[in-house]
C-alpha atoms as a PDB file:
ATOM      1  CA  MET A   1       3.544   2.000  18.404  1.00  0.00           C
ATOM      2  CA  ALA A   2       3.833  -0.993  16.098  1.00  0.00           C
ATOM      3  CA  ASP A   3       7.062  -1.764  14.293  1.00  0.00           C
ATOM      4  CA  TRP A   4       7.310  -1.384  10.533  1.00  0.00           C
ATOM      5  CA  VAL A   5       7.549  -4.538   8.405  1.00  0.00           C
ATOM      6  CA  SER A   6       8.886  -4.858   4.883  1.00  0.00           C
ATOM      7  CA  GLY A   7       6.644  -6.054   2.097  1.00  0.00           C
ATOM      8  CA  LYS A   8       6.861  -6.768  -1.599  1.00  0.00           C
ATOM      9  CA  VAL A   9       4.538  -5.402  -4.272  1.00  0.00           C
ATOM     10  CA  THR A  10       3.224  -8.452  -6.151  1.00  0.00           C
ATOM     11  CA  LYS A  11       0.824  -6.754  -8.556  1.00  0.00           C
ATOM     12  CA  VAL A  12      -0.409  -3.325  -9.641  1.00  0.00           C
ATOM     13  CA  GLU A  13      -3.789  -3.187 -11.381  1.00  0.00           C
ATOM     14  CA  TYR A  14      -4.897   0.122 -12.900  1.00  0.00           C
ATOM     15  CA  TRP A  15      -8.637   0.791 -12.969  1.00  0.00           C
ATOM     16  CA  THR A  16      -8.383   4.361 -14.345  1.00  0.00           C
ATOM     17  CA  ASP A  17      -5.579   6.875 -14.891  1.00  0.00           C
ATOM     18  CA  ALA A  18      -5.857   7.893 -11.236  1.00  0.00           C
ATOM     19  CA  LEU A  19      -7.173   4.761  -9.442  1.00  0.00           C
ATOM     20  CA  PHE A  20      -5.311   1.512  -8.992  1.00  0.00           C
ATOM     21  CA  SER A  21      -5.048  -1.512  -6.730  1.00  0.00           C
ATOM     22  CA  LEU A  22      -1.749  -2.300  -5.090  1.00  0.00           C
ATOM     23  CA  TYR A  23      -1.181  -5.902  -3.995  1.00  0.00           C
ATOM     24  CA  VAL A  24       1.439  -6.505  -1.318  1.00  0.00           C
ATOM     25  CA  ARG A  25       2.858  -9.572   0.431  1.00  0.00           C
ATOM     26  CA  ALA A  26       4.007  -8.751   3.951  1.00  0.00           C
ATOM     27  CA  PRO A  27       4.129 -10.563   7.306  1.00  0.00           C
ATOM     28  CA  VAL A  28       1.321  -8.625   9.004  1.00  0.00           C
ATOM     29  CA  HIS A  29      -0.684  -9.549  12.077  1.00  0.00           C
ATOM     30  CA  PRO A  30      -4.267 -10.762  11.548  1.00  0.00           C
ATOM     31  CA  PHE A  31      -6.747  -7.943  10.941  1.00  0.00           C
ATOM     32  CA  THR A  32     -10.514  -7.528  10.805  1.00  0.00           C
ATOM     33  CA  ALA A  33     -12.639  -6.226   7.941  1.00  0.00           C
ATOM     34  CA  GLY A  34     -12.600  -2.423   7.828  1.00  0.00           C
ATOM     35  CA  GLN A  35      -9.273  -2.104   9.622  1.00  0.00           C
ATOM     36  CA  PHE A  36      -6.542   0.134   8.210  1.00  0.00           C
ATOM     37  CA  THR A  37      -2.772   0.158   8.186  1.00  0.00           C
ATOM     38  CA  LYS A  38      -0.061   2.566   7.120  1.00  0.00           C
ATOM     39  CA  LEU A  39       2.052   2.133   4.017  1.00  0.00           C
ATOM     40  CA  GLY A  40       5.356   3.944   3.871  1.00  0.00           C
ATOM     41  CA  LEU A  41       8.058   4.698   1.337  1.00  0.00           C
ATOM     42  CA  GLU A  42      11.487   6.239   1.848  1.00  0.00           C
ATOM     43  CA  ILE A  43      11.810   9.396  -0.271  1.00  0.00           C
ATOM     44  CA  ASP A  44      15.048  11.397  -0.050  1.00  0.00           C
ATOM     45  CA  GLY A  45      15.879   9.723   3.268  1.00  0.00           C
ATOM     46  CA  GLU A  46      12.497  10.519   4.810  1.00  0.00           C
ATOM     47  CA  ARG A  47       9.613   8.097   5.366  1.00  0.00           C
ATOM     48  CA  VAL A  48       6.410   9.278   3.695  1.00  0.00           C
ATOM     49  CA  GLN A  49       3.428   7.388   5.065  1.00  0.00           C
ATOM     50  CA  ARG A  50      -0.319   7.287   4.521  1.00  0.00           C
ATOM     51  CA  ALA A  51      -3.151   5.264   6.039  1.00  0.00           C
ATOM     52  CA  TYR A  52      -5.030   2.811   3.809  1.00  0.00           C
ATOM     53  CA  SER A  53      -7.866   0.369   4.491  1.00  0.00           C
ATOM     54  CA  TYR A  54      -7.434  -3.275   3.583  1.00  0.00           C
ATOM     55  CA  VAL A  55      -9.585  -4.190   0.567  1.00  0.00           C
ATOM     56  CA  ASN A  56      -8.976  -7.937   0.775  1.00  0.00           C
ATOM     57  CA  ALA A  57     -10.679 -10.342   3.149  1.00  0.00           C
ATOM     58  CA  PRO A  58      -8.874 -11.161   6.402  1.00  0.00           C
ATOM     59  CA  GLY A  59      -6.705 -14.242   6.000  1.00  0.00           C
ATOM     60  CA  ASN A  60      -5.915 -13.613   2.317  1.00  0.00           C
ATOM     61  CA  PRO A  61      -2.112 -13.391   1.986  1.00  0.00           C
ATOM     62  CA  ASP A  62      -2.412 -10.905  -0.909  1.00  0.00           C
ATOM     63  CA  LEU A  63      -2.978  -7.569   0.815  1.00  0.00           C
ATOM     64  CA  GLU A  64      -4.891  -5.238  -1.505  1.00  0.00           C
ATOM     65  CA  PHE A  65      -5.187  -1.466  -1.221  1.00  0.00           C
ATOM     66  CA  TYR A  66      -6.965   1.068  -3.467  1.00  0.00           C
ATOM     67  CA  LEU A  67      -4.885   4.152  -4.199  1.00  0.00           C
ATOM     68  CA  VAL A  68      -5.819   7.396  -5.911  1.00  0.00           C
ATOM     69  CA  THR A  69      -3.190   9.721  -7.321  1.00  0.00           C
ATOM     70  CA  VAL A  70      -3.675  13.379  -6.455  1.00  0.00           C
ATOM     71  CA  PRO A  71      -1.960  15.939  -8.728  1.00  0.00           C
ATOM     72  CA  GLY A  72       0.383  18.236  -6.824  1.00  0.00           C
ATOM     73  CA  ARG A  73       0.554  16.065  -3.704  1.00  0.00           C
ATOM     74  CA  GLN A  74       3.833  14.641  -2.460  1.00  0.00           C
ATOM     75  CA  ALA A  75       4.392  11.153  -3.825  1.00  0.00           C
ATOM     76  CA  GLU A  76       2.093   8.582  -2.320  1.00  0.00           C
ATOM     77  CA  PRO A  77       3.995   5.946  -0.368  1.00  0.00           C
ATOM     78  CA  ALA A  78       2.937   3.123  -2.602  1.00  0.00           C
ATOM     79  CA  SER A  79       2.419   4.894  -5.906  1.00  0.00           C
ATOM     80  CA  GLY A  80       5.840   6.367  -6.552  1.00  0.00           C
ATOM     81  CA  GLY A  81       6.801   4.100  -9.423  1.00  0.00           C
ATOM     82  CA  ALA A  82       4.851   1.181  -7.971  1.00  0.00           C
ATOM     83  CA  GLU A  83       5.455  -2.016  -9.855  1.00  0.00           C
ATOM     84  CA  ALA A  84       5.402  -5.692  -9.039  1.00  0.00           C
ATOM     85  CA  GLY A  85       8.582  -7.014  -7.470  1.00  0.00           C
ATOM     86  CA  ARG A  86       9.510  -3.862  -5.547  1.00  0.00           C
END
């Protein structure tokens, strides 16, 4: 299993009330188009994680992910108060 790496949210761009792009800078290994990764967030001492596909082209240092908020679902790893600089 791969180790977790820390990243920093550099931008959040809302497309609708429920759909947004999350941009992250993190030291990840090279990936290919269509590949996915897991994003995680510590909530009450427990890591909540979800799988997301990379939206950006391989080699672009700004990792982009599309996220959709789902009412009634436990906080999404990246959406819980997502803002640039976190």
